[in-house]
Amino acid sequence: MKDIRSITTNVLPIVTAACLVDTVGLFGWRYGLAGATADGPINMWYDRFGLVAYGADVLSMIIGIALTQLVTTAMGGPWSLFRFCAVAVVIQLIHDLVFAGIVVPAVPLGHNSIMDLMRSYATMPGAGGILVVDAIYMILTAVIASALATLVPSVSWFTLLVTLYATMYILYTKGP
């Protein structure tokens, strides 16, 4: 595994990893893995907002990894994938809790349809499961990006293109 703390030289592997993780997750939600249902929150999110939902999820992971790069670089010390993943999870948890606790409630009901859906998530039974899924996504993104960074860039490019191509079809598959 390669040190991915450099914010300027690891963009492609990180973007590719985030897209791959979200697309594999999307496949799971769409095909009913882990008990996903057609009317479940994740499938509702993708049904209502499509590529915007996908883009928001992927960008959230990329921003989280970029912040992790900054924090772990400032922390110094030798490269540790474990420490990088731990910091990424903490950053993601802070993001999710601040977003759900401060940002979403600050937007008036009916003013933004994405915020309205997010508001309904916060009151659902088992809403804490989203924190676990997001943590897993961050860990997988960091691990895959670190692995991709060891390979020639053409591997990341090809993986990204195939992933985005598959996403266009998976996204419009109806849930179980």
N, C-alpha and C. Protein backbone atom coordinates (compact mmCIF):
# COMPACT_ATOMS: atom_id res chain seq x y z
N MET A 1 0.85 -1.18 0.00
CA MET A 1 0.00 0.00 0.00
C MET A 1 0.89 1.24 0.00
N LYS A 2 0.42 2.25 -0.71
CA LYS A 2 1.22 3.46 -0.88
C LYS A 2 0.69 4.58 0.01
N ASP A 3 1.60 5.41 0.44
CA ASP A 3 1.27 6.62 1.20
C ASP A 3 0.46 7.54 0.30
N ILE A 4 -0.77 7.86 0.68
CA ILE A 4 -1.63 8.72 -0.15
C ILE A 4 -1.88 10.07 0.52
N ARG A 5 -0.99 10.47 1.41
CA ARG A 5 -1.19 11.76 2.09
C ARG A 5 -0.98 12.96 1.19
N SER A 6 -0.24 12.83 0.10
CA SER A 6 -0.01 13.97 -0.79
C SER A 6 -1.31 14.34 -1.50
N ILE A 7 -1.75 15.55 -1.27
CA ILE A 7 -3.03 16.00 -1.82
C ILE A 7 -2.94 16.30 -3.31
N THR A 8 -1.73 16.43 -3.84
CA THR A 8 -1.59 16.79 -5.26
C THR A 8 -1.30 15.60 -6.17
N THR A 9 -0.69 14.54 -5.65
CA THR A 9 -0.29 13.45 -6.53
C THR A 9 -1.19 12.22 -6.46
N ASN A 10 -2.21 12.23 -5.64
CA ASN A 10 -3.04 11.05 -5.46
C ASN A 10 -4.51 11.27 -5.82
N VAL A 11 -4.78 12.28 -6.61
CA VAL A 11 -6.17 12.62 -6.93
C VAL A 11 -6.86 11.50 -7.71
N LEU A 12 -6.23 11.01 -8.77
CA LEU A 12 -6.87 10.00 -9.60
C LEU A 12 -7.19 8.72 -8.83
N PRO A 13 -6.26 8.15 -8.07
CA PRO A 13 -6.62 6.95 -7.31
C PRO A 13 -7.74 7.19 -6.29
N ILE A 14 -7.78 8.38 -5.70
CA ILE A 14 -8.81 8.68 -4.70
C ILE A 14 -10.18 8.84 -5.37
N VAL A 15 -10.23 9.57 -6.46
CA VAL A 15 -11.50 9.73 -7.18
C VAL A 15 -12.00 8.37 -7.67
N THR A 16 -11.09 7.58 -8.23
CA THR A 16 -11.46 6.26 -8.72
C THR A 16 -11.98 5.39 -7.59
N ALA A 17 -11.28 5.38 -6.47
CA ALA A 17 -11.69 4.55 -5.33
C ALA A 17 -13.06 4.98 -4.80
N ALA A 18 -13.29 6.28 -4.68
CA ALA A 18 -14.58 6.77 -4.18
C ALA A 18 -15.71 6.36 -5.12
N CYS A 19 -15.50 6.50 -6.41
CA CYS A 19 -16.52 6.09 -7.38
C CYS A 19 -16.76 4.58 -7.31
N LEU A 20 -15.69 3.82 -7.24
CA LEU A 20 -15.82 2.36 -7.18
C LEU A 20 -16.59 1.93 -5.93
N VAL A 21 -16.24 2.48 -4.79
CA VAL A 21 -16.90 2.13 -3.53
C VAL A 21 -18.39 2.48 -3.60
N ASP A 22 -18.71 3.67 -4.07
CA ASP A 22 -20.12 4.06 -4.11
C ASP A 22 -20.89 3.23 -5.13
N THR A 23 -20.29 2.89 -6.25
CA THR A 23 -20.97 2.09 -7.26
C THR A 23 -21.20 0.65 -6.77
N VAL A 24 -20.22 0.08 -6.12
CA VAL A 24 -20.41 -1.26 -5.55
C VAL A 24 -21.50 -1.22 -4.48
N GLY A 25 -21.49 -0.18 -3.65
CA GLY A 25 -22.55 -0.02 -2.66
C GLY A 25 -23.92 0.15 -3.32
N LEU A 26 -23.97 0.96 -4.35
CA LEU A 26 -25.21 1.18 -5.10
C LEU A 26 -25.74 -0.14 -5.66
N PHE A 27 -24.83 -0.95 -6.20
CA PHE A 27 -25.22 -2.27 -6.72
C PHE A 27 -25.86 -3.09 -5.60
N GLY A 28 -25.24 -3.08 -4.44
CA GLY A 28 -25.78 -3.82 -3.30
C GLY A 28 -27.16 -3.34 -2.89
N TRP A 29 -27.34 -2.02 -2.82
CA TRP A 29 -28.65 -1.47 -2.43
C TRP A 29 -29.70 -1.80 -3.48
N ARG A 30 -29.34 -1.66 -4.74
CA ARG A 30 -30.30 -1.89 -5.83
C ARG A 30 -30.72 -3.35 -5.96
N TYR A 31 -29.81 -4.26 -5.61
CA TYR A 31 -30.11 -5.67 -5.76
C TYR A 31 -30.47 -6.36 -4.44
N GLY A 32 -30.77 -5.56 -3.42
CA GLY A 32 -31.31 -6.10 -2.18
C GLY A 32 -30.33 -6.78 -1.26
N LEU A 33 -29.04 -6.56 -1.45
CA LEU A 33 -28.06 -7.15 -0.54
C LEU A 33 -28.15 -6.45 0.81
N ALA A 34 -27.80 -7.14 1.85
CA ALA A 34 -27.83 -6.62 3.22
C ALA A 34 -29.23 -6.16 3.61
N GLY A 35 -30.25 -6.78 3.02
CA GLY A 35 -31.63 -6.48 3.41
C GLY A 35 -32.19 -5.18 2.85
N ALA A 36 -31.54 -4.59 1.86
CA ALA A 36 -32.05 -3.34 1.27
C ALA A 36 -33.41 -3.59 0.63
N THR A 37 -34.29 -2.63 0.76
CA THR A 37 -35.62 -2.73 0.16
C THR A 37 -35.83 -1.57 -0.81
N ALA A 38 -36.77 -1.74 -1.73
CA ALA A 38 -37.04 -0.72 -2.74
C ALA A 38 -37.44 0.60 -2.10
N ASP A 39 -38.15 0.54 -0.97
CA ASP A 39 -38.61 1.77 -0.33
C ASP A 39 -37.69 2.19 0.83
N GLY A 40 -36.51 1.57 0.91
CA GLY A 40 -35.55 1.93 1.96
C GLY A 40 -34.93 3.30 1.68
N PRO A 41 -34.30 3.88 2.68
CA PRO A 41 -33.79 5.25 2.54
C PRO A 41 -32.75 5.43 1.44
N ILE A 42 -31.85 4.45 1.28
CA ILE A 42 -30.82 4.61 0.26
C ILE A 42 -31.43 4.55 -1.13
N ASN A 43 -32.32 3.60 -1.36
CA ASN A 43 -32.96 3.51 -2.68
C ASN A 43 -33.85 4.71 -2.94
N MET A 44 -34.51 5.23 -1.91
CA MET A 44 -35.30 6.47 -2.11
C MET A 44 -34.39 7.62 -2.51
N TRP A 45 -33.24 7.72 -1.87
CA TRP A 45 -32.24 8.76 -2.17
C TRP A 45 -31.84 8.70 -3.64
N TYR A 46 -31.48 7.50 -4.12
CA TYR A 46 -31.06 7.36 -5.51
C TYR A 46 -32.23 7.49 -6.49
N ASP A 47 -33.41 7.02 -6.12
CA ASP A 47 -34.58 7.17 -6.99
C ASP A 47 -34.94 8.63 -7.20
N ARG A 48 -34.92 9.41 -6.13
CA ARG A 48 -35.34 10.81 -6.22
C ARG A 48 -34.29 11.71 -6.84
N PHE A 49 -33.02 11.44 -6.57
CA PHE A 49 -31.99 12.40 -6.97
C PHE A 49 -30.96 11.87 -7.96
N GLY A 50 -31.01 10.59 -8.30
CA GLY A 50 -30.19 10.03 -9.37
C GLY A 50 -28.72 10.40 -9.31
N LEU A 51 -28.22 10.96 -10.42
CA LEU A 51 -26.80 11.30 -10.50
C LEU A 51 -26.38 12.36 -9.49
N VAL A 52 -27.31 13.21 -9.09
CA VAL A 52 -26.99 14.21 -8.06
C VAL A 52 -26.69 13.49 -6.74
N ALA A 53 -27.48 12.48 -6.42
CA ALA A 53 -27.24 11.70 -5.20
C ALA A 53 -25.88 11.00 -5.28
N TYR A 54 -25.62 10.37 -6.41
CA TYR A 54 -24.34 9.68 -6.61
C TYR A 54 -23.18 10.68 -6.48
N GLY A 55 -23.31 11.81 -7.16
CA GLY A 55 -22.26 12.83 -7.10
C GLY A 55 -22.04 13.36 -5.70
N ALA A 56 -23.12 13.60 -4.96
CA ALA A 56 -22.99 14.09 -3.59
C ALA A 56 -22.28 13.07 -2.70
N ASP A 57 -22.64 11.79 -2.87
CA ASP A 57 -22.00 10.75 -2.07
C ASP A 57 -20.51 10.65 -2.39
N VAL A 58 -20.18 10.61 -3.68
CA VAL A 58 -18.78 10.49 -4.09
C VAL A 58 -17.98 11.71 -3.65
N LEU A 59 -18.53 12.89 -3.86
CA LEU A 59 -17.80 14.11 -3.46
C LEU A 59 -17.61 14.18 -1.95
N SER A 60 -18.58 13.69 -1.20
CA SER A 60 -18.43 13.66 0.25
C SER A 60 -17.24 12.79 0.65
N MET A 61 -17.09 11.65 0.00
CA MET A 61 -15.94 10.78 0.30
C MET A 61 -14.63 11.43 -0.12
N ILE A 62 -14.62 12.05 -1.30
CA ILE A 62 -13.39 12.69 -1.78
C ILE A 62 -12.98 13.84 -0.86
N ILE A 63 -13.93 14.65 -0.47
CA ILE A 63 -13.63 15.76 0.45
C ILE A 63 -13.13 15.22 1.79
N GLY A 64 -13.76 14.16 2.28
CA GLY A 64 -13.32 13.55 3.53
C GLY A 64 -11.90 13.03 3.46
N ILE A 65 -11.56 12.40 2.34
CA ILE A 65 -10.20 11.89 2.16
C ILE A 65 -9.21 13.06 2.03
N ALA A 66 -9.60 14.12 1.32
CA ALA A 66 -8.72 15.29 1.20
C ALA A 66 -8.46 15.92 2.58
N LEU A 67 -9.49 16.03 3.39
CA LEU A 67 -9.30 16.55 4.75
C LEU A 67 -8.41 15.62 5.57
N THR A 68 -8.59 14.32 5.37
CA THR A 68 -7.74 13.34 6.06
C THR A 68 -6.29 13.50 5.64
N GLN A 69 -6.07 13.77 4.35
CA GLN A 69 -4.70 14.00 3.88
C GLN A 69 -4.09 15.19 4.62
N LEU A 70 -4.84 16.27 4.73
CA LEU A 70 -4.33 17.47 5.41
C LEU A 70 -4.04 17.20 6.88
N VAL A 71 -4.97 16.53 7.56
CA VAL A 71 -4.82 16.27 9.00
C VAL A 71 -3.65 15.32 9.25
N THR A 72 -3.59 14.22 8.50
CA THR A 72 -2.52 13.25 8.76
C THR A 72 -1.15 13.79 8.36
N THR A 73 -1.10 14.65 7.36
CA THR A 73 0.17 15.29 7.02
C THR A 73 0.61 16.22 8.15
N ALA A 74 -0.34 16.99 8.69
CA ALA A 74 -0.03 17.90 9.80
C ALA A 74 0.39 17.11 11.05
N MET A 75 -0.17 15.93 11.22
CA MET A 75 0.18 15.10 12.37
C MET A 75 1.62 14.60 12.28
N GLY A 76 2.11 14.45 11.04
CA GLY A 76 3.48 13.97 10.84
C GLY A 76 3.60 12.49 11.14
N GLY A 77 4.83 12.03 11.18
CA GLY A 77 5.09 10.63 11.47
C GLY A 77 5.10 9.79 10.21
N PRO A 78 5.45 8.54 10.37
CA PRO A 78 5.50 7.64 9.21
C PRO A 78 4.10 7.31 8.71
N TRP A 79 4.05 6.89 7.45
CA TRP A 79 2.78 6.51 6.84
C TRP A 79 2.17 5.31 7.57
N SER A 80 0.90 5.42 7.88
CA SER A 80 0.17 4.31 8.48
C SER A 80 -1.22 4.30 7.87
N LEU A 81 -1.54 3.26 7.10
CA LEU A 81 -2.87 3.15 6.52
C LEU A 81 -3.93 3.05 7.61
N PHE A 82 -3.61 2.35 8.68
CA PHE A 82 -4.56 2.23 9.79
C PHE A 82 -4.89 3.60 10.38
N ARG A 83 -3.84 4.40 10.64
CA ARG A 83 -4.06 5.73 11.20
C ARG A 83 -4.83 6.62 10.21
N PHE A 84 -4.49 6.51 8.93
CA PHE A 84 -5.18 7.28 7.90
C PHE A 84 -6.67 6.93 7.90
N CYS A 85 -6.98 5.64 7.95
CA CYS A 85 -8.39 5.21 7.96
C CYS A 85 -9.10 5.68 9.22
N ALA A 86 -8.43 5.60 10.36
CA ALA A 86 -9.04 6.03 11.62
C ALA A 86 -9.39 7.53 11.57
N VAL A 87 -8.47 8.33 11.06
CA VAL A 87 -8.72 9.77 10.94
C VAL A 87 -9.84 10.03 9.94
N ALA A 88 -9.86 9.28 8.85
CA ALA A 88 -10.92 9.44 7.84
C ALA A 88 -12.29 9.15 8.45
N VAL A 89 -12.38 8.12 9.28
CA VAL A 89 -13.65 7.78 9.92
C VAL A 89 -14.07 8.88 10.90
N VAL A 90 -13.14 9.40 11.66
CA VAL A 90 -13.47 10.49 12.59
C VAL A 90 -13.98 11.71 11.83
N ILE A 91 -13.31 12.06 10.75
CA ILE A 91 -13.73 13.20 9.94
C ILE A 91 -15.12 12.95 9.36
N GLN A 92 -15.38 11.75 8.87
CA GLN A 92 -16.70 11.43 8.31
C GLN A 92 -17.78 11.49 9.38
N LEU A 93 -17.50 10.96 10.57
CA LEU A 93 -18.48 11.01 11.66
C LEU A 93 -18.79 12.45 12.06
N ILE A 94 -17.76 13.27 12.15
CA ILE A 94 -17.98 14.69 12.48
C ILE A 94 -18.84 15.33 11.39
N HIS A 95 -18.52 15.06 10.13
CA HIS A 95 -19.30 15.61 9.02
C HIS A 95 -20.76 15.19 9.13
N ASP A 96 -21.00 13.89 9.30
CA ASP A 96 -22.37 13.39 9.34
C ASP A 96 -23.15 14.00 10.51
N LEU A 97 -22.53 14.06 11.67
CA LEU A 97 -23.22 14.58 12.86
C LEU A 97 -23.48 16.08 12.75
N VAL A 98 -22.52 16.84 12.25
CA VAL A 98 -22.72 18.28 12.07
C VAL A 98 -23.76 18.53 10.98
N PHE A 99 -23.68 17.79 9.91
CA PHE A 99 -24.63 17.95 8.81
C PHE A 99 -26.06 17.68 9.29
N ALA A 100 -26.23 16.53 9.98
CA ALA A 100 -27.57 16.14 10.45
C ALA A 100 -28.06 17.00 11.60
N GLY A 101 -27.13 17.45 12.45
CA GLY A 101 -27.53 18.19 13.65
C GLY A 101 -27.61 19.69 13.49
N ILE A 102 -26.89 20.24 12.52
CA ILE A 102 -26.84 21.70 12.38
C ILE A 102 -27.29 22.17 10.99
N VAL A 103 -26.68 21.61 9.94
CA VAL A 103 -26.94 22.10 8.58
C VAL A 103 -28.37 21.79 8.15
N VAL A 104 -28.77 20.53 8.23
CA VAL A 104 -30.11 20.14 7.77
C VAL A 104 -31.21 20.89 8.53
N PRO A 105 -31.17 20.95 9.87
CA PRO A 105 -32.23 21.67 10.58
C PRO A 105 -32.26 23.18 10.29
N ALA A 106 -31.13 23.73 9.83
CA ALA A 106 -31.09 25.16 9.54
C ALA A 106 -31.81 25.53 8.25
N VAL A 107 -32.06 24.55 7.39
CA VAL A 107 -32.75 24.81 6.13
C VAL A 107 -34.24 24.59 6.35
N PRO A 108 -35.05 25.61 6.09
CA PRO A 108 -36.50 25.48 6.33
C PRO A 108 -37.12 24.34 5.52
N LEU A 109 -38.05 23.64 6.15
CA LEU A 109 -38.77 22.54 5.50
C LEU A 109 -39.43 23.05 4.23
N GLY A 110 -39.28 22.31 3.13
CA GLY A 110 -39.86 22.70 1.85
C GLY A 110 -38.98 23.62 1.02
N HIS A 111 -37.86 24.05 1.57
CA HIS A 111 -36.96 24.97 0.87
C HIS A 111 -35.96 24.24 -0.03
N ASN A 112 -35.62 22.99 0.34
CA ASN A 112 -34.63 22.21 -0.41
C ASN A 112 -35.02 20.74 -0.29
N SER A 113 -35.33 20.12 -1.42
CA SER A 113 -35.85 18.74 -1.38
C SER A 113 -34.81 17.74 -0.88
N ILE A 114 -33.54 18.00 -1.10
CA ILE A 114 -32.51 17.10 -0.57
C ILE A 114 -32.48 17.21 0.95
N MET A 115 -32.51 18.42 1.47
CA MET A 115 -32.49 18.61 2.92
C MET A 115 -33.76 18.02 3.55
N ASP A 116 -34.87 18.10 2.85
CA ASP A 116 -36.11 17.51 3.38
C ASP A 116 -35.97 16.00 3.52
N LEU A 117 -35.36 15.34 2.53
CA LEU A 117 -35.15 13.90 2.61
C LEU A 117 -34.15 13.58 3.73
N MET A 118 -33.10 14.37 3.84
CA MET A 118 -32.12 14.16 4.91
C MET A 118 -32.77 14.31 6.29
N ARG A 119 -33.67 15.25 6.41
CA ARG A 119 -34.39 15.47 7.67
C ARG A 119 -35.18 14.21 8.03
N SER A 120 -35.81 13.58 7.04
CA SER A 120 -36.59 12.37 7.32
C SER A 120 -35.67 11.22 7.70
N TYR A 121 -34.45 11.17 7.18
CA TYR A 121 -33.48 10.13 7.55
C TYR A 121 -33.17 10.19 9.04
N ALA A 122 -32.98 11.41 9.54
CA ALA A 122 -32.55 11.59 10.92
C ALA A 122 -33.58 11.05 11.91
N THR A 123 -34.83 10.99 11.51
CA THR A 123 -35.88 10.54 12.43
C THR A 123 -36.27 9.08 12.20
N MET A 124 -35.64 8.41 11.24
CA MET A 124 -35.97 7.01 10.95
C MET A 124 -35.37 6.08 12.01
N PRO A 125 -36.07 4.99 12.31
CA PRO A 125 -35.45 3.98 13.19
C PRO A 125 -34.19 3.43 12.51
N GLY A 126 -33.14 3.25 13.27
CA GLY A 126 -31.91 2.71 12.71
C GLY A 126 -31.09 3.71 11.93
N ALA A 127 -31.36 5.00 12.12
CA ALA A 127 -30.63 6.03 11.37
C ALA A 127 -29.13 5.99 11.64
N GLY A 128 -28.73 5.49 12.80
CA GLY A 128 -27.31 5.37 13.12
C GLY A 128 -26.57 4.43 12.19
N GLY A 129 -27.30 3.56 11.52
CA GLY A 129 -26.68 2.65 10.56
C GLY A 129 -25.99 3.39 9.44
N ILE A 130 -26.50 4.58 9.12
CA ILE A 130 -25.87 5.40 8.07
C ILE A 130 -24.44 5.75 8.48
N LEU A 131 -24.22 6.00 9.77
CA LEU A 131 -22.87 6.32 10.25
C LEU A 131 -21.92 5.15 10.03
N VAL A 132 -22.41 3.94 10.24
CA VAL A 132 -21.59 2.74 10.06
C VAL A 132 -21.27 2.55 8.57
N VAL A 133 -22.28 2.68 7.73
CA VAL A 133 -22.06 2.53 6.28
C VAL A 133 -21.07 3.58 5.79
N ASP A 134 -21.24 4.83 6.20
CA ASP A 134 -20.33 5.89 5.78
C ASP A 134 -18.90 5.61 6.25
N ALA A 135 -18.74 5.08 7.46
CA ALA A 135 -17.40 4.75 7.96
C ALA A 135 -16.77 3.64 7.11
N ILE A 136 -17.57 2.63 6.78
CA ILE A 136 -17.06 1.55 5.92
C ILE A 136 -16.65 2.09 4.56
N TYR A 137 -17.47 2.97 4.00
CA TYR A 137 -17.15 3.57 2.69
C TYR A 137 -15.83 4.35 2.76
N MET A 138 -15.62 5.09 3.84
CA MET A 138 -14.37 5.86 3.95
C MET A 138 -13.16 4.93 4.05
N ILE A 139 -13.28 3.88 4.84
CA ILE A 139 -12.17 2.93 4.98
C ILE A 139 -11.88 2.28 3.64
N LEU A 140 -12.92 1.81 2.97
CA LEU A 140 -12.70 1.17 1.66
C LEU A 140 -12.11 2.13 0.65
N THR A 141 -12.55 3.37 0.66
CA THR A 141 -12.00 4.35 -0.27
C THR A 141 -10.52 4.57 -0.02
N ALA A 142 -10.12 4.69 1.24
CA ALA A 142 -8.70 4.89 1.57
C ALA A 142 -7.87 3.67 1.18
N VAL A 143 -8.35 2.48 1.50
CA VAL A 143 -7.59 1.26 1.20
C VAL A 143 -7.45 1.06 -0.31
N ILE A 144 -8.55 1.22 -1.03
CA ILE A 144 -8.49 1.03 -2.49
C ILE A 144 -7.63 2.10 -3.15
N ALA A 145 -7.74 3.35 -2.69
CA ALA A 145 -6.91 4.42 -3.25
C ALA A 145 -5.44 4.14 -3.00
N SER A 146 -5.11 3.66 -1.81
CA SER A 146 -3.73 3.33 -1.49
C SER A 146 -3.21 2.21 -2.39
N ALA A 147 -4.06 1.23 -2.67
CA ALA A 147 -3.67 0.13 -3.56
C ALA A 147 -3.53 0.62 -5.00
N LEU A 148 -4.50 1.41 -5.47
CA LEU A 148 -4.43 1.93 -6.84
C LEU A 148 -3.21 2.82 -7.05
N ALA A 149 -2.81 3.54 -6.02
CA ALA A 149 -1.66 4.44 -6.13
C ALA A 149 -0.36 3.69 -6.38
N THR A 150 -0.35 2.39 -6.11
CA THR A 150 0.86 1.60 -6.37
C THR A 150 0.96 1.17 -7.83
N LEU A 151 -0.13 1.33 -8.57
CA LEU A 151 -0.20 0.84 -9.96
C LEU A 151 0.00 1.99 -10.95
N VAL A 152 0.19 1.66 -12.20
CA VAL A 152 0.32 2.69 -13.23
C VAL A 152 -1.02 3.43 -13.34
N PRO A 153 -0.99 4.73 -13.66
CA PRO A 153 -2.23 5.52 -13.71
C PRO A 153 -3.29 4.97 -14.67
N SER A 154 -2.88 4.29 -15.72
CA SER A 154 -3.86 3.77 -16.67
C SER A 154 -4.83 2.78 -16.01
N VAL A 155 -4.39 2.09 -14.96
CA VAL A 155 -5.28 1.18 -14.23
C VAL A 155 -6.39 1.97 -13.56
N SER A 156 -6.03 3.07 -12.92
CA SER A 156 -7.04 3.92 -12.27
C SER A 156 -7.99 4.51 -13.30
N TRP A 157 -7.44 4.99 -14.42
CA TRP A 157 -8.30 5.57 -15.46
C TRP A 157 -9.30 4.57 -15.98
N PHE A 158 -8.82 3.37 -16.32
CA PHE A 158 -9.70 2.35 -16.87
C PHE A 158 -10.75 1.94 -15.84
N THR A 159 -10.33 1.77 -14.61
CA THR A 159 -11.26 1.41 -13.52
C THR A 159 -12.31 2.49 -13.35
N LEU A 160 -11.90 3.74 -13.39
CA LEU A 160 -12.85 4.85 -13.26
C LEU A 160 -13.86 4.85 -14.40
N LEU A 161 -13.39 4.69 -15.61
CA LEU A 161 -14.29 4.71 -16.77
C LEU A 161 -15.30 3.57 -16.73
N VAL A 162 -14.84 2.37 -16.44
CA VAL A 162 -15.75 1.21 -16.36
C VAL A 162 -16.73 1.39 -15.20
N THR A 163 -16.24 1.91 -14.09
CA THR A 163 -17.11 2.14 -12.93
C THR A 163 -18.21 3.14 -13.26
N LEU A 164 -17.85 4.25 -13.87
CA LEU A 164 -18.86 5.26 -14.21
C LEU A 164 -19.84 4.74 -15.25
N TYR A 165 -19.34 3.96 -16.20
CA TYR A 165 -20.21 3.36 -17.21
C TYR A 165 -21.23 2.44 -16.55
N ALA A 166 -20.76 1.56 -15.68
CA ALA A 166 -21.66 0.64 -14.98
C ALA A 166 -22.65 1.40 -14.10
N THR A 167 -22.20 2.48 -13.50
CA THR A 167 -23.06 3.27 -12.61
C THR A 167 -24.29 3.78 -13.34
N MET A 168 -24.13 4.20 -14.58
CA MET A 168 -25.25 4.73 -15.35
C MET A 168 -26.39 3.71 -15.46
N TYR A 169 -26.05 2.45 -15.53
CA TYR A 169 -27.07 1.39 -15.63
C TYR A 169 -27.59 0.98 -14.26
N ILE A 170 -26.67 0.80 -13.31
CA ILE A 170 -27.07 0.37 -11.96
C ILE A 170 -27.97 1.42 -11.32
N LEU A 171 -27.66 2.67 -11.55
CA LEU A 171 -28.41 3.76 -10.92
C LEU A 171 -29.90 3.70 -11.29
N TYR A 172 -30.20 3.30 -12.49
CA TYR A 172 -31.58 3.28 -12.94
C TYR A 172 -32.23 1.89 -12.88
N THR A 173 -31.62 1.01 -12.09
CA THR A 173 -32.22 -0.29 -11.78
C THR A 173 -33.17 -0.08 -10.61
N LYS A 174 -34.33 -0.64 -10.68
CA LYS A 174 -35.28 -0.53 -9.58
C LYS A 174 -34.83 -1.43 -8.43
N GLY A 175 -35.04 -0.96 -7.22
CA GLY A 175 -34.68 -1.73 -6.04
C GLY A 175 -35.50 -3.01 -5.94
N PRO A 176 -35.11 -3.89 -5.02
CA PRO A 176 -35.78 -5.20 -4.88
C PRO A 176 -37.26 -5.08 -4.51
